[in-house]
């Protein structure tokens, strides 16, 4: 496979995007575990 700077830049962007959304997912899961999912509707 031919590797040039555009392929490397694309792989870096894909990796950073996956890392960003993975961190976002982990932060949301941690917040739900800490505060609950809000389904009880007690705070109107």
Protein backbone atom coordinates (compact mmCIF):
# COMPACT_ATOMS: atom_id res chain seq x y z
CA UNK A 1 0.00 0.00 0.00
CA UNK A 2 1.30 3.41 -0.96
CA UNK A 3 1.80 5.59 2.12
CA UNK A 4 2.14 9.33 1.68
CA UNK A 5 1.49 12.27 3.98
CA UNK A 6 -2.23 12.34 3.12
CA UNK A 7 -2.73 8.72 4.18
CA UNK A 8 -0.81 9.34 7.42
CA UNK A 9 -2.79 12.52 8.11
CA UNK A 10 -6.06 10.69 7.46
CA UNK A 11 -5.13 7.87 9.84
CA UNK A 12 -4.14 10.40 12.51
CA UNK A 13 -7.45 12.24 12.11
CA UNK A 14 -9.43 9.00 12.31
CA UNK A 15 -7.49 7.94 15.41
CA UNK A 16 -7.98 11.28 17.13
CA UNK A 17 -11.69 11.25 16.27
CA UNK A 18 -12.10 7.78 17.76
CA UNK A 19 -10.14 8.85 20.86
CA UNK A 20 -12.26 12.00 21.25
CA UNK A 21 -15.60 10.21 21.02
CA UNK A 22 -14.30 7.38 23.19
CA UNK A 23 -13.38 9.88 25.89
CA UNK A 24 -16.73 11.62 25.48
CA UNK A 25 -18.50 8.25 25.88
CA UNK A 26 -16.48 7.42 28.99
CA UNK A 27 -17.25 10.83 30.52
CA UNK A 28 -20.98 10.37 29.92
CA UNK A 29 -20.93 6.83 31.36
CA UNK A 30 -19.01 8.08 34.41
CA UNK A 31 -21.48 10.95 34.90
CA UNK A 32 -24.46 8.61 34.65
CA UNK A 33 -22.87 6.27 37.18
CA UNK A 34 -22.17 9.20 39.52
CA UNK A 35 -25.45 11.12 39.22
CA UNK A 36 -27.99 8.63 37.87
CA UNK A 37 -29.56 8.66 34.43
CA UNK A 38 -32.30 11.19 35.24
CA UNK A 39 -35.15 8.75 34.62
CA UNK A 40 -36.74 9.22 38.04
CA UNK A 41 -38.00 12.74 37.10
CA UNK A 42 -37.87 13.90 40.73
CA UNK A 43 -36.33 17.28 39.89
CA UNK A 44 -39.01 19.07 37.87
